[in-house]
Each structure stands twice: as structure tokens, then as C-alpha cells.
Amino acid sequence: MMIRLQRQSLVFSLLVFLLAWSASGLAALPLNNGRPSLAPMVKKVLPGVVNISTRSKVQMEMNPLFRDPFFRRFFNLPDRPAQRQRQSLGSGVVVDAEKGYILTNNHVIANADEISVTFRDGRHYEAKLVGADPEVDLAVLQIEAEDLTAVPFGDSDQMDVGDFVVAIGNPFGLGQTVTSGIVSALGRSGLGIEGYENFIQTDASINPGNSGGALVNLDGELIGINTAIVGPSGGNVGIGFAIPSNMAADIMKQLIEYGEVHRGQLGVYIQDITPPLAEALGLDRLQGAVISQVIKGSPAQQAGLKPGDVIVGVNGKSIRNGSQLRAAIGLLRAGQWVVLDVIRDGREKQFRVLISERTGEAVAAGGFSDYLKGATLGTIQEDHPLAGQIEGVQVLKVKPGSPAAAAGLRKDDIIVSVNRMPVKNLADVKKAVKRTRKGLLLNIRRGDGALFLVIR
């Protein structure tokens, strides 16, 4: 009897949920053959979502014997390095039908020698790369074509958790696929996926190949560019991330105008607010970014900002943590004015700051040692998560297939010692490298961890 009542209660609850969902969600949908359906909206968007395929040449790893000139002459081996063709698949979104601009992810087209775009109706075009921004993982392509359909931009700032969304892309190279879900969270950051993160999280199924595809609202407006998934095997488990459309639109304008993003800097080192820090600073909130240090001569110092100030807003938008502040400032161009909402001594003030060009010395590390060829080293950038917390040298770039990449160096690694010698700047690295010819022992800070790298 008890089991029967439990079943009846469960069925009743399910019916109530379905009726409520119908009333709130389905009632707002257009009708297709007399039934509420997403089909009318999807039909308008599908022509604006494309499949992208790329080809690139990759240098193959070689046995050390094959690098020996005598060995190569003895076996009459060709002098050119062995290469192989690599192909990749992804998605893109037409955002300007007149000029043929297509938005996609940078990782979809990175290092590509050829980029091809295929439409739903079978049309096929070769695309040229207008510009790319690896920090945000966006790229703009352009094709010469007529009768294109663009997906209109929506306002991603107007999205709320629980809003219905639809993801369209090319998963696993199967062709255009449509999935639906809701906005699971907003403003996701600190994931370590990209340099600047402010993701929309969704449970709409996103799988490999969806990258660069469209995340749209029920009006068929673009509110995100599908970018990443979190799953144990690289497949969908209901956690996907998209770059907000407002963020993508800002980056796209710079890529079209300059071919790259001219990021500015504020000139401060920041950290998140913890309960002990909030208590020490007399704060009644745990949201915001605390300035731990102001760089001499920086825009922040010129504007009057001080250590201990808490930045809680940028241009009228709330800031929850250091990652959000980093993303907000990193998306601004040098020469732009920004208004910061700051709490100082318990009172909220506003500061108007002129963002300046990012500075910092950078050198090709191959000049120091052959072991480091392919790596670009420089001073720790103010937007690095560990900035102001440790001393060392930042890995700014690592060329794919280079000795540095093969050794395991990654972009944004912080080198804190070389051959057990602490390094604070590039001069220290140069001195430490010169003292050995047998290899390098690097102590690296990577994310929240630390490791040693042996390079021989």
C-alpha cells in the first residue's frame, strides 16, 4: 500500500512539473503542425551555421639517429624533415552576410594551412583568416560568397540562469546537429581553459566538433560561441561552455580592424577576497578584487588607486572576483577610459582610469639555450593569476613542435629557478643557463601546482 501511494505521489508530482513547464516554456514557442516546436526558429538559424575543416602540416618526431649526418648519408635519407598532414573539424557562425565574416574558435583553425567552409546546402568555400585571439579562443574568417544568412547577435548580458538555449554545430563531423538545454550558470571563470574566461555554462549537449558553433536563444539570436566541454572522456556530460556574444562581438571588432587584440593594462596586482581578508579590511562582502600592489607609473597609480582598495565594478558591471576583473580589463583596448567602483575604508568611490598598452620585456629564449628554442620568456604579466605572489619569469609563448614544447614547457608557466638557482628576471635566466652544458633543471609553477622539468 505504501509503495502504491509513493508511486501515485511521484506520478502526480511529475504531472505537475510537466504542466508547469508547458505553461512557462512551451506556451511561448511557435507552433509547427499544431504543436509547440523549436523547428521554425532553428530553420532560420541553420543556414548561418557552417562546418569548418582545416589541413595543416605537422613535423613528425624523429629518432636521434636520424639527425646524425653520417647515418642519413649511409641510408640515403632525404634531408627534409618528415611531415604528415593533420586534419581537424569544427564549426563556425556567419555574423556578417554582406562581408562574409565568420566567427569560430581559435583552436579550430590554429596553425592551419588551409581552411574550408561548408554550408548546409552543400556550398563549399576556401576561407582566409582575418585575425585570431588565442587568449579568448576566438577567430574571424572571411569568405567571398553571395546569398549568405547571418545569425543576429543577441545581448548575452540579458541571459538568466534557467533560460532555454539551443546549441548548433558539427559534432564528431556528423554534420549539423541541434541540441537544446538551459543556461546552467553565468560568468564561469578560473577554469584554466582560456586566458580570459567569462563563460556561459549550459547543459545543451556539446561534443567535439561543436567548437565554434552557435548557442542561440529562443528568438534565434546568437548569445554564445560554443567553446569547451568538461567530461571524463571528452564527451558531453551536461557541462558545456560558450563565450558570451557580447564578449565575442567586442573581440571581433578588434580582430577585423587590427588582425589582433590590443589589450590594455590597469597596472595593479590583485587577489580574491577571503573571509579573513574581508574581516581585516572591514568589508561586509566577499565579492570584488583586492588590490595588493600598484605598479609605479601605471594608470592605476595616476588615477589614485592604492593597495587595499577593493574593485567591485567596472563600467557599471559588478565584479565578483579577480578573474572577472582580469577578463573585464583584458577586453578593453589601450587608450580607453574605464570607470571603476572601488571600496576604500568602507566607503564606495569611483575612479576614472585611462587604460594603457601592456608592457613588459620579452625575449626568444632560444638565444639563451638551444634547449629553450621555441619559447618566449618575459616578465610576469599583471593579469597572470600568480602576479604579485611569486618571483620568476613567465613563459609567454611556446611554438608547437619546438624543443621547448617537446620538453613540456607550456604558455603561462612561471620559471622560478634554473639549475637550482632562483631567477627573478631574464638576466638571472641567462646567467643560470650559461653555467651548464649538460641540460637544464627548471622549477616551474603551473596553475595551483609546481613541478621540475629536466631538459636534455
Protein backbone atom coordinates (compact mmCIF):
# COMPACT_ATOMS: atom_id res chain seq x y z
CA MET A 1 0.00 0.00 0.00
CA MET A 2 2.81 2.40 0.94
CA ILE A 3 4.67 1.67 -2.33
CA ARG A 4 1.47 2.32 -4.34
CA LEU A 5 0.95 5.70 -2.59
CA GLN A 6 4.57 6.62 -3.24
CA ARG A 7 4.15 5.78 -6.95
CA GLN A 8 0.92 7.81 -7.16
CA SER A 9 2.64 10.74 -5.44
CA LEU A 10 5.57 10.51 -7.86
CA VAL A 11 3.28 10.43 -10.91
CA PHE A 12 1.28 13.38 -9.56
CA SER A 13 4.47 15.40 -8.96
CA LEU A 14 5.71 14.60 -12.46
CA LEU A 15 2.41 15.73 -13.99
CA VAL A 16 2.50 18.98 -12.03
CA PHE A 17 6.07 19.63 -13.21
CA LEU A 18 5.23 18.93 -16.85
CA LEU A 19 2.15 21.17 -16.73
CA ALA A 20 4.14 23.99 -15.15
CA TRP A 21 6.96 23.59 -17.67
CA SER A 22 4.44 23.53 -20.51
CA ALA A 23 2.80 26.70 -19.30
CA SER A 24 6.07 28.60 -18.87
CA GLY A 25 8.20 27.25 -21.71
CA LEU A 26 6.16 25.55 -24.45
CA ALA A 27 3.44 28.16 -24.46
CA ALA A 28 5.95 30.73 -25.68
CA LEU A 29 7.08 28.54 -28.58
CA PRO A 30 5.66 28.89 -32.11
CA LEU A 31 3.50 26.13 -33.50
CA ASN A 32 4.65 23.62 -36.10
CA ASN A 33 1.85 21.40 -37.46
CA GLY A 34 -0.22 22.45 -34.46
CA ARG A 35 2.44 21.56 -31.90
CA PRO A 36 4.82 23.80 -29.91
CA SER A 37 8.21 23.43 -31.58
CA LEU A 38 11.68 24.90 -31.92
CA ALA A 39 11.70 23.99 -35.61
CA PRO A 40 10.62 27.41 -37.01
CA MET A 41 13.44 29.18 -35.14
CA VAL A 42 16.02 26.51 -35.96
CA LYS A 43 15.21 26.69 -39.70
CA LYS A 44 16.12 30.38 -39.67
CA VAL A 45 19.43 29.81 -37.87
CA LEU A 46 20.75 26.66 -39.58
CA PRO A 47 21.84 28.41 -42.83
CA GLY A 48 24.10 30.67 -40.76
CA VAL A 49 26.00 27.84 -39.02
CA VAL A 50 28.81 26.27 -41.03
CA ASN A 51 31.13 23.31 -40.84
CA ILE A 52 34.85 24.12 -40.83
CA SER A 53 37.63 21.75 -41.84
CA THR A 54 41.34 22.51 -41.81
CA ARG A 55 44.56 20.97 -43.05
CA SER A 56 48.00 21.57 -41.61
CA LYS A 57 51.45 20.07 -41.86
CA VAL A 58 52.95 18.68 -38.67
CA GLN A 59 56.60 17.80 -38.27
CA MET A 60 56.95 14.23 -37.03
CA GLU A 61 59.12 13.29 -34.08
CA MET A 62 62.41 11.75 -35.20
CA ASN A 63 64.74 9.26 -33.59
CA PRO A 64 68.03 10.99 -32.64
CA LEU A 65 69.86 8.64 -35.04
CA PHE A 66 68.02 10.23 -37.97
CA ARG A 67 69.59 13.59 -37.05
CA ASP A 68 73.12 12.20 -37.44
CA PRO A 69 74.56 13.31 -40.84
CA PHE A 70 76.64 10.11 -41.27
CA PHE A 71 73.59 7.90 -40.57
CA ARG A 72 71.49 9.86 -43.04
CA ARG A 73 74.10 9.64 -45.80
CA PHE A 74 74.68 5.94 -45.18
CA PHE A 75 70.97 5.12 -45.61
CA ASN A 76 70.45 7.82 -48.26
CA LEU A 77 67.70 9.54 -46.26
CA PRO A 78 66.20 12.82 -47.55
CA ASP A 79 67.34 16.00 -45.79
CA ARG A 80 63.90 17.46 -45.33
CA PRO A 81 62.15 16.65 -42.04
CA ALA A 82 59.36 14.11 -42.15
CA GLN A 83 55.93 15.69 -42.12
CA ARG A 84 52.39 14.46 -42.03
CA GLN A 85 49.06 16.01 -42.85
CA ARG A 86 46.73 16.80 -39.97
CA GLN A 87 43.03 17.48 -40.37
CA SER A 88 40.55 18.93 -37.89
CA LEU A 89 36.86 19.65 -37.86
CA GLY A 90 34.83 22.31 -36.14
CA SER A 91 32.01 24.78 -36.59
CA GLY A 92 31.51 28.47 -37.27
CA VAL A 93 28.81 31.14 -37.35
CA VAL A 94 28.16 33.66 -40.13
CA VAL A 95 27.84 37.04 -38.39
CA ASP A 96 28.05 39.41 -41.40
CA ALA A 97 26.36 38.20 -44.57
CA GLU A 98 27.45 41.18 -46.68
CA LYS A 99 31.17 40.97 -45.91
CA GLY A 100 31.31 37.22 -45.37
CA TYR A 101 32.65 37.27 -41.81
CA ILE A 102 32.50 34.03 -39.81
CA LEU A 103 33.19 33.63 -36.09
CA THR A 104 34.78 30.45 -34.76
CA ASN A 105 37.22 29.27 -32.10
CA ASN A 106 40.93 29.90 -32.49
CA HIS A 107 41.73 26.29 -31.62
CA VAL A 108 39.63 25.14 -34.60
CA ILE A 109 41.88 26.92 -37.12
CA ALA A 110 45.18 27.25 -35.19
CA ASN A 111 48.26 26.51 -37.35
CA ALA A 112 46.05 25.64 -40.33
CA ASP A 113 47.48 25.86 -43.84
CA GLU A 114 44.06 25.51 -45.47
CA ILE A 115 40.63 26.42 -44.09
CA SER A 116 37.46 25.20 -45.78
CA VAL A 117 33.89 26.22 -45.01
CA THR A 118 30.87 24.09 -45.94
CA PHE A 119 27.25 25.24 -45.72
CA ARG A 120 24.14 23.24 -45.03
CA ASP A 121 23.11 23.46 -48.70
CA GLY A 122 26.44 21.92 -49.79
CA ARG A 123 28.19 25.10 -50.89
CA HIS A 124 31.93 24.98 -50.25
CA TYR A 125 34.41 27.87 -49.92
CA GLU A 126 38.03 28.44 -49.04
CA ALA A 127 38.32 30.92 -46.16
CA LYS A 128 41.03 33.36 -45.21
CA LEU A 129 41.97 34.17 -41.63
CA VAL A 130 41.20 37.79 -40.74
CA GLY A 131 42.52 37.62 -37.19
CA ALA A 132 42.71 35.40 -34.13
CA ASP A 133 42.93 35.81 -30.37
CA PRO A 134 44.25 32.70 -28.56
CA GLU A 135 43.69 34.34 -25.15
CA VAL A 136 39.90 34.28 -25.61
CA ASP A 137 39.95 31.45 -28.20
CA LEU A 138 38.19 33.36 -30.97
CA ALA A 139 38.99 33.79 -34.65
CA VAL A 140 37.38 35.66 -37.54
CA LEU A 141 37.33 34.13 -41.03
CA GLN A 142 36.16 35.67 -44.29
CA ILE A 143 34.78 34.12 -47.46
CA GLU A 144 33.71 35.56 -50.78
CA ALA A 145 30.15 34.40 -51.27
CA GLU A 146 26.67 35.67 -52.02
CA ASP A 147 23.25 34.91 -50.55
CA LEU A 148 24.59 34.28 -47.05
CA THR A 149 22.42 34.20 -43.94
CA ALA A 150 23.85 35.77 -40.81
CA VAL A 151 22.85 34.83 -37.26
CA PRO A 152 21.93 38.10 -35.49
CA PHE A 153 23.74 38.97 -32.28
CA GLY A 154 21.72 38.81 -29.07
CA ASP A 155 22.52 40.52 -25.78
CA SER A 156 24.26 37.88 -23.66
CA ASP A 157 24.10 40.21 -20.64
CA GLN A 158 20.32 39.75 -20.64
CA MET A 159 20.50 35.98 -20.22
CA ASP A 160 19.49 34.45 -16.90
CA VAL A 161 20.17 31.07 -15.35
CA GLY A 162 17.30 28.83 -16.44
CA ASP A 163 16.75 30.45 -19.84
CA PHE A 164 16.28 27.97 -22.69
CA VAL A 165 19.10 27.77 -25.25
CA VAL A 166 19.88 25.78 -28.38
CA ALA A 167 23.36 24.65 -29.49
CA ILE A 168 24.08 24.10 -33.19
CA GLY A 169 27.29 22.66 -34.55
CA ASN A 170 29.11 19.80 -36.24
CA PRO A 171 29.82 17.19 -33.52
CA PHE A 172 32.19 14.37 -34.48
CA GLY A 173 31.98 15.52 -38.12
CA LEU A 174 28.44 14.15 -38.41
CA GLY A 175 27.04 17.33 -39.95
CA GLN A 176 24.76 19.96 -38.49
CA THR A 177 23.25 18.86 -35.20
CA VAL A 178 20.84 20.71 -32.93
CA THR A 179 20.60 20.17 -29.17
CA SER A 180 18.70 22.09 -26.52
CA GLY A 181 19.04 22.87 -22.83
CA ILE A 182 19.17 25.74 -20.40
CA VAL A 183 21.68 28.24 -19.13
CA SER A 184 23.20 26.41 -16.16
CA ALA A 185 25.41 29.24 -14.89
CA LEU A 186 26.82 32.60 -15.93
CA GLY A 187 30.22 34.23 -15.54
CA ARG A 188 32.16 30.99 -15.14
CA SER A 189 35.88 31.73 -14.77
CA GLY A 190 39.01 30.32 -13.19
CA LEU A 191 38.66 27.08 -15.18
CA GLY A 192 42.09 27.33 -16.80
CA ILE A 193 40.61 26.71 -20.24
CA GLU A 194 41.44 30.10 -21.74
CA GLY A 195 43.40 33.17 -20.76
CA TYR A 196 40.29 35.32 -20.32
CA GLU A 197 37.21 33.48 -19.10
CA ASN A 198 33.64 34.62 -18.59
CA PHE A 199 31.76 31.59 -19.85
CA ILE A 200 28.08 30.79 -20.18
CA GLN A 201 27.60 27.26 -18.83
CA THR A 202 24.91 25.12 -20.44
CA ASP A 203 23.63 21.57 -20.33
CA ALA A 204 22.79 21.59 -24.05
CA SER A 205 24.82 18.70 -25.49
CA ILE A 206 28.19 19.96 -26.78
CA ASN A 207 30.67 17.45 -28.16
CA PRO A 208 33.98 17.55 -30.07
CA GLY A 209 33.33 19.32 -33.36
CA ASN A 210 30.79 21.69 -31.82
CA SER A 211 33.59 24.14 -31.11
CA GLY A 212 32.91 27.46 -32.82
CA GLY A 213 29.23 26.70 -33.26
CA ALA A 214 26.26 28.79 -32.19
CA LEU A 215 24.48 28.97 -28.87
CA VAL A 216 21.19 30.79 -29.52
CA ASN A 217 18.18 31.87 -27.51
CA LEU A 218 14.58 31.04 -28.39
CA ASP A 219 14.45 34.09 -30.67
CA GLY A 220 17.27 32.66 -32.79
CA GLU A 221 19.76 35.27 -31.61
CA LEU A 222 23.42 34.42 -31.06
CA ILE A 223 24.19 34.59 -27.35
CA GLY A 224 27.35 32.47 -27.31
CA ILE A 225 30.09 30.70 -29.27
CA ASN A 226 30.37 27.08 -28.11
CA THR A 227 33.91 26.53 -26.91
CA ALA A 228 34.61 23.77 -24.43
CA ILE A 229 33.24 20.75 -22.62
CA VAL A 230 34.04 19.16 -19.30
CA GLY A 231 33.86 15.40 -19.27
CA PRO A 232 35.96 12.37 -18.27
CA SER A 233 36.31 11.17 -21.86
CA GLY A 234 35.98 14.42 -23.80
CA GLY A 235 32.27 13.81 -24.41
CA ASN A 236 29.15 15.54 -23.20
CA VAL A 237 28.11 15.06 -19.59
CA GLY A 238 25.85 18.11 -19.38
CA ILE A 239 28.60 20.67 -18.74
CA GLY A 240 29.48 22.84 -21.72
CA PHE A 241 30.82 26.36 -22.03
CA ALA A 242 30.27 29.16 -24.51
CA ILE A 243 31.91 32.56 -24.96
CA PRO A 244 29.22 35.24 -24.40
CA SER A 245 28.15 37.02 -27.60
CA ASN A 246 28.85 40.49 -26.19
CA MET A 247 32.42 39.44 -25.41
CA ALA A 248 32.77 37.83 -28.85
CA ALA A 249 31.45 40.95 -30.61
CA ASP A 250 33.99 43.18 -28.85
CA ILE A 251 36.87 40.88 -29.77
CA MET A 252 35.61 40.53 -33.34
CA LYS A 253 35.69 44.31 -33.90
CA GLN A 254 39.37 44.44 -32.92
CA LEU A 255 40.28 41.40 -34.99
CA ILE A 256 38.63 42.88 -38.08
CA GLU A 257 40.27 46.27 -37.55
CA TYR A 258 43.75 45.23 -36.41
CA GLY A 259 44.05 41.48 -37.02
CA GLU A 260 44.81 41.08 -33.32
CA VAL A 261 43.64 42.35 -29.95
CA HIS A 262 45.42 45.37 -28.49
CA ARG A 263 44.89 44.72 -24.81
CA GLY A 264 45.42 47.34 -22.17
CA GLN A 265 46.56 47.19 -18.57
CA LEU A 266 45.46 48.77 -15.34
CA GLY A 267 48.77 48.39 -13.53
CA VAL A 268 47.76 46.53 -10.39
CA TYR A 269 48.29 43.14 -8.78
CA ILE A 270 45.05 41.70 -7.41
CA GLN A 271 43.72 38.83 -5.32
CA ASP A 272 40.34 37.40 -4.39
CA ILE A 273 38.64 38.28 -1.15
CA THR A 274 38.74 35.60 1.55
CA PRO A 275 36.79 35.73 4.83
CA PRO A 276 39.93 36.55 6.88
CA LEU A 277 40.91 39.26 4.38
CA ALA A 278 37.41 40.72 4.40
CA GLU A 279 37.49 40.87 8.19
CA ALA A 280 40.93 42.52 8.20
CA LEU A 281 39.82 45.14 5.66
CA GLY A 282 36.49 45.74 7.41
CA LEU A 283 34.44 44.55 4.42
CA ASP A 284 30.86 43.34 4.69
CA ARG A 285 31.07 41.37 1.42
CA LEU A 286 33.13 38.61 -0.17
CA GLN A 287 32.77 39.90 -3.72
CA GLY A 288 35.33 42.01 -5.52
CA ALA A 289 39.08 42.07 -6.20
CA VAL A 290 41.57 43.44 -3.68
CA ILE A 291 44.49 45.50 -4.99
CA SER A 292 47.60 44.05 -3.34
CA GLN A 293 50.10 46.22 -5.20
CA VAL A 294 50.03 49.23 -7.55
CA ILE A 295 52.75 49.40 -10.20
CA LYS A 296 54.75 52.61 -10.17
CA GLY A 297 53.84 54.97 -13.01
CA SER A 298 50.87 52.84 -14.07
CA PRO A 299 47.40 54.15 -14.99
CA ALA A 300 46.15 52.88 -11.62
CA GLN A 301 48.70 54.95 -9.71
CA GLN A 302 48.00 58.02 -11.82
CA ALA A 303 44.28 57.64 -11.08
CA GLY A 304 44.94 57.45 -7.33
CA LEU A 305 44.29 53.76 -6.64
CA LYS A 306 46.05 52.27 -3.59
CA PRO A 307 46.83 48.83 -2.12
CA GLY A 308 43.87 47.67 -0.05
CA ASP A 309 41.30 49.20 -2.40
CA VAL A 310 38.61 46.72 -3.42
CA ILE A 311 37.37 46.92 -7.02
CA VAL A 312 33.71 45.88 -7.11
CA GLY A 313 32.61 47.21 -10.50
CA VAL A 314 33.87 48.06 -14.00
CA ASN A 315 31.84 50.44 -16.13
CA GLY A 316 28.75 49.78 -14.05
CA LYS A 317 29.04 45.98 -14.10
CA SER A 318 29.63 44.11 -10.85
CA ILE A 319 32.93 42.28 -10.29
CA ARG A 320 32.81 39.12 -8.20
CA ASN A 321 36.48 38.12 -8.17
CA GLY A 322 39.92 38.70 -9.62
CA SER A 323 39.26 36.55 -12.68
CA GLN A 324 36.27 38.67 -13.65
CA LEU A 325 38.28 41.87 -13.23
CA ARG A 326 41.10 40.42 -15.31
CA ALA A 327 38.66 39.50 -18.09
CA ALA A 328 36.90 42.88 -17.99
CA ILE A 329 40.15 44.86 -18.26
CA GLY A 330 41.72 42.44 -20.74
CA LEU A 331 38.87 43.01 -23.19
CA LEU A 332 39.44 46.78 -23.23
CA ARG A 333 41.66 48.48 -25.78
CA ALA A 334 44.61 50.62 -24.79
CA GLY A 335 43.51 54.26 -24.78
CA GLN A 336 40.01 53.56 -23.46
CA TRP A 337 38.67 55.18 -20.31
CA VAL A 338 37.18 52.93 -17.66
CA VAL A 339 35.16 53.79 -14.56
CA LEU A 340 35.97 51.62 -11.52
CA ASP A 341 33.69 51.24 -8.50
CA VAL A 342 36.03 50.95 -5.52
CA ILE A 343 35.53 50.42 -1.80
CA ARG A 344 38.09 52.28 0.32
CA ASP A 345 37.85 52.45 4.10
CA GLY A 346 34.26 51.21 3.97
CA ARG A 347 33.11 53.86 1.50
CA GLU A 348 32.37 53.35 -2.18
CA LYS A 349 34.17 55.66 -4.60
CA GLN A 350 34.57 55.92 -8.35
CA PHE A 351 37.85 56.26 -10.22
CA ARG A 352 38.22 57.11 -13.90
CA VAL A 353 41.28 55.39 -15.36
CA LEU A 354 42.87 55.61 -18.82
CA ILE A 355 43.90 52.10 -19.84
CA SER A 356 47.45 51.92 -21.24
CA GLU A 357 49.24 49.50 -23.56
CA ARG A 358 50.53 46.33 -21.92
CA THR A 359 54.25 46.50 -21.30
CA GLY A 360 56.93 44.04 -20.26
CA GLU A 361 60.22 42.78 -21.59
CA ALA A 362 60.08 39.65 -23.72
CA VAL A 363 62.81 37.66 -25.48
CA ALA A 364 63.12 34.49 -27.54
CA ALA A 365 64.64 32.00 -25.10
CA GLY A 366 66.43 30.19 -27.92
CA GLY A 367 69.04 32.94 -27.66
CA PHE A 368 69.83 31.71 -24.15
CA SER A 369 69.97 27.99 -24.93
CA ASP A 370 69.08 25.55 -27.69
CA TYR A 371 67.13 23.63 -25.06
CA LEU A 372 64.66 26.55 -24.85
CA LYS A 373 64.18 27.13 -28.58
CA GLY A 374 60.57 27.97 -29.39
CA ALA A 375 59.81 29.61 -26.04
CA THR A 376 59.34 33.33 -25.47
CA LEU A 377 60.10 34.44 -21.92
CA GLY A 378 59.22 37.72 -20.23
CA THR A 379 58.34 39.49 -17.03
CA ILE A 380 55.29 38.19 -15.18
CA GLN A 381 52.25 39.92 -16.65
CA GLU A 382 49.95 41.71 -14.24
CA ASP A 383 46.99 39.62 -15.41
CA HIS A 384 48.70 36.31 -14.55
CA PRO A 385 46.93 34.57 -11.62
CA LEU A 386 50.23 34.41 -9.70
CA ALA A 387 51.25 38.02 -10.39
CA GLY A 388 52.43 39.75 -7.23
CA GLN A 389 52.58 36.46 -5.33
CA ILE A 390 55.85 34.95 -6.58
CA GLU A 391 59.04 35.99 -8.36
CA GLY A 392 60.17 34.43 -11.59
CA VAL A 393 59.94 34.60 -15.38
CA GLN A 394 56.77 33.89 -17.35
CA VAL A 395 56.58 31.70 -20.44
CA LEU A 396 54.69 33.99 -22.80
CA LYS A 397 54.59 31.74 -25.86
CA VAL A 398 55.59 28.20 -26.85
CA LYS A 399 55.85 27.31 -30.53
CA PRO A 400 54.19 23.95 -31.29
CA GLY A 401 56.68 21.26 -32.26
CA SER A 402 59.65 23.22 -30.89
CA PRO A 403 62.26 21.82 -28.45
CA ALA A 404 60.66 23.86 -25.66
CA ALA A 405 57.25 22.32 -26.40
CA ALA A 406 58.75 18.83 -26.60
CA ALA A 407 60.39 19.41 -23.21
CA GLY A 408 56.99 20.09 -21.67
CA LEU A 409 57.02 23.89 -21.27
CA ARG A 410 53.59 25.50 -21.53
CA LYS A 411 52.34 29.01 -22.04
CA ASP A 412 51.90 30.87 -18.72
CA ASP A 413 54.33 28.61 -16.83
CA ILE A 414 56.35 30.58 -14.28
CA ILE A 415 60.03 29.58 -14.09
CA VAL A 416 61.19 30.19 -10.51
CA SER A 417 64.60 28.51 -10.70
CA VAL A 418 67.06 27.21 -13.30
CA ASN A 419 69.52 24.51 -12.22
CA ARG A 420 68.51 25.20 -8.60
CA MET A 421 69.35 28.90 -8.97
CA PRO A 422 66.39 31.22 -8.15
CA VAL A 423 65.53 33.53 -11.06
CA LYS A 424 63.74 36.87 -10.72
CA ASN A 425 64.24 38.23 -14.23
CA LEU A 426 65.55 37.41 -17.69
CA ALA A 427 69.11 38.33 -16.73
CA ASP A 428 69.05 35.67 -14.00
CA VAL A 429 67.85 33.07 -16.51
CA LYS A 430 70.64 33.97 -18.91
CA LYS A 431 73.29 33.62 -16.17
CA ALA A 432 71.93 30.30 -14.94
CA VAL A 433 71.72 28.81 -18.44
CA LYS A 434 75.29 29.77 -19.29
CA ARG A 435 76.67 27.78 -16.35
CA THR A 436 75.73 24.39 -17.77
CA ARG A 437 76.09 22.43 -20.99
CA LYS A 438 74.56 19.15 -19.85
CA GLY A 439 70.93 20.20 -19.72
CA LEU A 440 68.53 22.26 -17.67
CA LEU A 441 66.58 21.63 -14.49
CA LEU A 442 63.66 24.03 -14.34
CA ASN A 443 61.42 24.53 -11.32
CA ILE A 444 58.01 25.51 -12.66
CA ARG A 445 54.86 26.94 -11.10
CA ARG A 446 51.87 25.85 -13.18
CA GLY A 447 48.39 26.76 -12.05
CA ASP A 448 47.99 25.69 -8.42
CA GLY A 449 50.87 23.21 -8.61
CA ALA A 450 54.64 23.05 -9.00
CA LEU A 451 56.96 20.68 -10.84
CA PHE A 452 60.50 20.11 -12.08
CA LEU A 453 61.30 19.80 -15.77
CA VAL A 454 64.53 18.11 -16.89
CA ILE A 455 65.59 19.21 -20.40
CA ARG A 456 68.44 17.38 -22.11
